[in-house]
Amino acid sequence: MAYQAEVVVLDPIGLHARPAGQIVKFVKEGAHDVKIGPNADELVAGNSALRLMAMRATTGSTLLVVVETDDDSLGKSIVDQIQEFLKG
């Protein structure tokens, strides 16, 4: 099972090196299996800053976050933290 939710890039510069690095560090430290992308067909690993930045997500972009977990509260917590990183 997977928990899915959308986040919005609110950083005025878009998804750039700093928030990408924060997401990667968070995903790796928690050993979470997280994928992020503009839609379900274009998901990239949340533990790769280069792949995250290659999406070229701009301010206002909506991204799908998929967390491989059966625990919805954990999934929501991870998505909420990723949203915080995208606030700028």
N, C-alpha and C. Protein backbone atom coordinates (compact mmCIF):
# COMPACT_ATOMS: atom_id res chain seq x y z
N MET A 1 0.84 -1.19 0.00
CA MET A 1 0.00 0.00 0.00
C MET A 1 0.87 1.24 0.00
N ALA A 2 0.29 2.31 -0.45
CA ALA A 2 1.01 3.58 -0.49
C ALA A 2 0.08 4.70 -0.07
N TYR A 3 0.67 5.70 0.55
CA TYR A 3 -0.05 6.92 0.90
C TYR A 3 0.29 7.95 -0.16
N GLN A 4 -0.71 8.61 -0.71
CA GLN A 4 -0.49 9.62 -1.75
C GLN A 4 -1.15 10.93 -1.36
N ALA A 5 -0.49 12.02 -1.68
CA ALA A 5 -1.07 13.34 -1.46
C ALA A 5 -0.34 14.33 -2.36
N GLU A 6 -0.96 15.47 -2.57
CA GLU A 6 -0.35 16.52 -3.38
C GLU A 6 0.23 17.60 -2.48
N VAL A 7 1.33 18.18 -2.95
CA VAL A 7 1.95 19.33 -2.30
C VAL A 7 2.08 20.42 -3.36
N VAL A 8 2.23 21.65 -2.90
CA VAL A 8 2.38 22.78 -3.82
C VAL A 8 3.72 23.44 -3.55
N VAL A 9 4.45 23.73 -4.62
CA VAL A 9 5.73 24.43 -4.50
C VAL A 9 5.42 25.90 -4.24
N LEU A 10 5.73 26.36 -3.04
CA LEU A 10 5.45 27.75 -2.67
C LEU A 10 6.69 28.62 -2.65
N ASP A 11 7.86 28.01 -2.70
CA ASP A 11 9.12 28.76 -2.71
C ASP A 11 9.14 29.67 -3.94
N PRO A 12 9.46 30.96 -3.76
CA PRO A 12 9.44 31.88 -4.90
C PRO A 12 10.45 31.53 -6.00
N ILE A 13 11.42 30.69 -5.69
CA ILE A 13 12.41 30.29 -6.69
C ILE A 13 12.02 28.94 -7.31
N GLY A 14 11.03 28.27 -6.76
CA GLY A 14 10.64 26.95 -7.24
C GLY A 14 11.40 25.87 -6.48
N LEU A 15 11.40 24.67 -7.02
CA LEU A 15 12.10 23.54 -6.39
C LEU A 15 13.56 23.60 -6.83
N HIS A 16 14.38 24.22 -5.99
CA HIS A 16 15.80 24.42 -6.30
C HIS A 16 16.65 23.60 -5.34
N ALA A 17 17.95 23.84 -5.32
CA ALA A 17 18.91 23.01 -4.59
C ALA A 17 18.62 22.90 -3.09
N ARG A 18 18.28 24.00 -2.44
CA ARG A 18 18.09 23.95 -0.99
C ARG A 18 16.92 23.06 -0.59
N PRO A 19 15.70 23.30 -1.10
CA PRO A 19 14.61 22.41 -0.71
C PRO A 19 14.81 20.97 -1.20
N ALA A 20 15.42 20.80 -2.36
CA ALA A 20 15.69 19.44 -2.84
C ALA A 20 16.63 18.73 -1.88
N GLY A 21 17.65 19.43 -1.42
CA GLY A 21 18.59 18.85 -0.47
C GLY A 21 17.93 18.51 0.85
N GLN A 22 17.02 19.37 1.32
CA GLN A 22 16.30 19.11 2.56
C GLN A 22 15.42 17.86 2.43
N ILE A 23 14.75 17.74 1.29
CA ILE A 23 13.90 16.58 1.06
C ILE A 23 14.74 15.31 1.04
N VAL A 24 15.85 15.34 0.30
CA VAL A 24 16.73 14.16 0.20
C VAL A 24 17.25 13.76 1.57
N LYS A 25 17.72 14.71 2.35
CA LYS A 25 18.24 14.42 3.68
C LYS A 25 17.16 13.78 4.55
N PHE A 26 15.96 14.37 4.53
CA PHE A 26 14.83 13.86 5.32
C PHE A 26 14.46 12.43 4.90
N VAL A 27 14.38 12.19 3.61
CA VAL A 27 14.01 10.86 3.10
C VAL A 27 15.07 9.83 3.48
N LYS A 28 16.34 10.19 3.30
CA LYS A 28 17.42 9.25 3.61
C LYS A 28 17.53 8.97 5.11
N GLU A 29 17.41 10.01 5.93
CA GLU A 29 17.52 9.82 7.38
C GLU A 29 16.40 8.93 7.92
N GLY A 30 15.22 9.06 7.36
CA GLY A 30 14.09 8.27 7.82
C GLY A 30 13.97 6.93 7.13
N ALA A 31 14.83 6.68 6.15
CA ALA A 31 14.78 5.44 5.36
C ALA A 31 13.38 5.23 4.77
N HIS A 32 12.79 6.32 4.31
CA HIS A 32 11.46 6.26 3.71
C HIS A 32 11.57 6.00 2.21
N ASP A 33 10.61 5.28 1.66
CA ASP A 33 10.53 5.09 0.22
C ASP A 33 9.53 6.12 -0.30
N VAL A 34 10.07 7.22 -0.84
CA VAL A 34 9.24 8.34 -1.27
C VAL A 34 9.52 8.63 -2.74
N LYS A 35 8.44 8.85 -3.48
CA LYS A 35 8.57 9.26 -4.88
C LYS A 35 7.77 10.55 -5.06
N ILE A 36 8.28 11.43 -5.91
CA ILE A 36 7.66 12.74 -6.11
C ILE A 36 7.65 13.03 -7.60
N GLY A 37 6.57 13.63 -8.07
CA GLY A 37 6.51 14.01 -9.48
C GLY A 37 5.27 14.81 -9.80
N PRO A 38 5.22 15.32 -11.03
CA PRO A 38 4.07 16.12 -11.43
C PRO A 38 2.80 15.28 -11.59
N ASN A 39 2.98 13.97 -11.80
CA ASN A 39 1.85 13.05 -11.91
C ASN A 39 2.35 11.63 -11.65
N ALA A 40 1.44 10.68 -11.63
CA ALA A 40 1.80 9.30 -11.28
C ALA A 40 2.74 8.65 -12.31
N ASP A 41 2.74 9.15 -13.53
CA ASP A 41 3.58 8.57 -14.58
C ASP A 41 4.99 9.15 -14.61
N GLU A 42 5.24 10.23 -13.88
CA GLU A 42 6.54 10.90 -13.92
C GLU A 42 7.16 11.05 -12.53
N LEU A 43 7.04 10.02 -11.71
CA LEU A 43 7.58 10.07 -10.36
C LEU A 43 9.08 9.81 -10.36
N VAL A 44 9.79 10.52 -9.49
CA VAL A 44 11.23 10.30 -9.31
C VAL A 44 11.49 9.99 -7.84
N ALA A 45 12.63 9.38 -7.58
CA ALA A 45 13.00 9.02 -6.22
C ALA A 45 13.22 10.27 -5.38
N GLY A 46 12.66 10.27 -4.18
CA GLY A 46 12.81 11.40 -3.28
C GLY A 46 14.18 11.48 -2.63
N ASN A 47 15.04 10.52 -2.92
CA ASN A 47 16.39 10.54 -2.36
C ASN A 47 17.44 10.97 -3.38
N SER A 48 16.99 11.63 -4.46
CA SER A 48 17.90 12.11 -5.50
C SER A 48 17.65 13.59 -5.78
N ALA A 49 18.55 14.44 -5.28
CA ALA A 49 18.40 15.89 -5.49
C ALA A 49 18.42 16.24 -6.98
N LEU A 50 19.28 15.59 -7.73
CA LEU A 50 19.36 15.89 -9.17
C LEU A 50 18.05 15.57 -9.88
N ARG A 51 17.45 14.45 -9.55
CA ARG A 51 16.18 14.10 -10.19
C ARG A 51 15.06 15.03 -9.76
N LEU A 52 15.07 15.43 -8.49
CA LEU A 52 14.05 16.38 -8.03
C LEU A 52 14.19 17.71 -8.76
N MET A 53 15.40 18.22 -8.88
CA MET A 53 15.61 19.50 -9.55
C MET A 53 15.36 19.40 -11.05
N ALA A 54 15.60 18.22 -11.63
CA ALA A 54 15.38 18.04 -13.06
C ALA A 54 13.91 18.16 -13.45
N MET A 55 13.01 18.04 -12.47
CA MET A 55 11.58 18.22 -12.76
C MET A 55 11.28 19.66 -13.12
N ARG A 56 12.16 20.57 -12.69
CA ARG A 56 11.98 22.01 -12.94
C ARG A 56 10.62 22.51 -12.47
N ALA A 57 10.26 22.09 -11.27
CA ALA A 57 8.99 22.53 -10.69
C ALA A 57 9.10 24.00 -10.29
N THR A 58 8.20 24.80 -10.78
CA THR A 58 8.21 26.23 -10.52
C THR A 58 7.21 26.57 -9.41
N THR A 59 7.27 27.81 -8.96
CA THR A 59 6.35 28.28 -7.93
C THR A 59 4.91 28.04 -8.39
N GLY A 60 4.12 27.44 -7.53
CA GLY A 60 2.73 27.16 -7.85
C GLY A 60 2.50 25.78 -8.44
N SER A 61 3.57 25.06 -8.78
CA SER A 61 3.42 23.71 -9.32
C SER A 61 2.86 22.77 -8.24
N THR A 62 2.01 21.87 -8.66
CA THR A 62 1.48 20.84 -7.78
C THR A 62 2.23 19.55 -8.06
N LEU A 63 2.71 18.92 -7.01
CA LEU A 63 3.45 17.67 -7.14
C LEU A 63 2.76 16.56 -6.35
N LEU A 64 2.78 15.38 -6.91
CA LEU A 64 2.24 14.20 -6.23
C LEU A 64 3.36 13.57 -5.41
N VAL A 65 3.09 13.27 -4.16
CA VAL A 65 4.04 12.59 -3.29
C VAL A 65 3.45 11.23 -2.95
N VAL A 66 4.24 10.18 -3.20
CA VAL A 66 3.81 8.81 -2.91
C VAL A 66 4.78 8.22 -1.89
N VAL A 67 4.23 7.81 -0.75
CA VAL A 67 5.03 7.23 0.32
C VAL A 67 4.62 5.77 0.45
N GLU A 68 5.58 4.85 0.32
CA GLU A 68 5.29 3.42 0.46
C GLU A 68 5.17 3.08 1.95
N THR A 69 3.95 3.06 2.44
CA THR A 69 3.67 2.73 3.83
C THR A 69 2.22 2.31 3.98
N ASP A 70 1.97 1.47 4.96
CA ASP A 70 0.59 1.10 5.29
C ASP A 70 0.03 2.00 6.38
N ASP A 71 0.88 2.84 6.93
CA ASP A 71 0.51 3.73 8.04
C ASP A 71 0.16 5.11 7.49
N ASP A 72 -1.14 5.39 7.39
CA ASP A 72 -1.57 6.67 6.83
C ASP A 72 -1.07 7.87 7.63
N SER A 73 -0.99 7.74 8.95
CA SER A 73 -0.52 8.87 9.75
C SER A 73 0.96 9.15 9.48
N LEU A 74 1.76 8.10 9.27
CA LEU A 74 3.16 8.30 8.91
C LEU A 74 3.26 8.93 7.53
N GLY A 75 2.47 8.42 6.59
CA GLY A 75 2.47 8.99 5.24
C GLY A 75 2.10 10.46 5.25
N LYS A 76 1.07 10.81 6.01
CA LYS A 76 0.65 12.22 6.09
C LYS A 76 1.75 13.07 6.73
N SER A 77 2.38 12.55 7.76
CA SER A 77 3.47 13.28 8.42
C SER A 77 4.62 13.56 7.46
N ILE A 78 4.98 12.57 6.65
CA ILE A 78 6.07 12.74 5.68
C ILE A 78 5.68 13.76 4.62
N VAL A 79 4.47 13.67 4.11
CA VAL A 79 4.00 14.63 3.10
C VAL A 79 3.96 16.04 3.69
N ASP A 80 3.49 16.18 4.91
CA ASP A 80 3.45 17.50 5.57
C ASP A 80 4.84 18.10 5.69
N GLN A 81 5.83 17.28 6.04
CA GLN A 81 7.19 17.77 6.16
C GLN A 81 7.74 18.20 4.81
N ILE A 82 7.47 17.43 3.77
CA ILE A 82 7.92 17.80 2.42
C ILE A 82 7.28 19.13 2.01
N GLN A 83 6.00 19.30 2.35
CA GLN A 83 5.35 20.58 2.04
C GLN A 83 6.06 21.74 2.74
N GLU A 84 6.50 21.53 3.98
CA GLU A 84 7.21 22.57 4.70
C GLU A 84 8.51 22.96 3.97
N PHE A 85 9.22 21.97 3.44
CA PHE A 85 10.46 22.25 2.72
C PHE A 85 10.20 23.07 1.45
N LEU A 86 9.00 22.95 0.90
CA LEU A 86 8.67 23.63 -0.36
C LEU A 86 8.09 25.03 -0.15
N LYS A 87 8.02 25.47 1.10
CA LYS A 87 7.46 26.80 1.39
C LYS A 87 8.44 27.92 1.13
N GLY A 88 9.71 27.63 1.26
CA GLY A 88 10.73 28.65 0.99
C GLY A 88 10.97 29.62 2.08
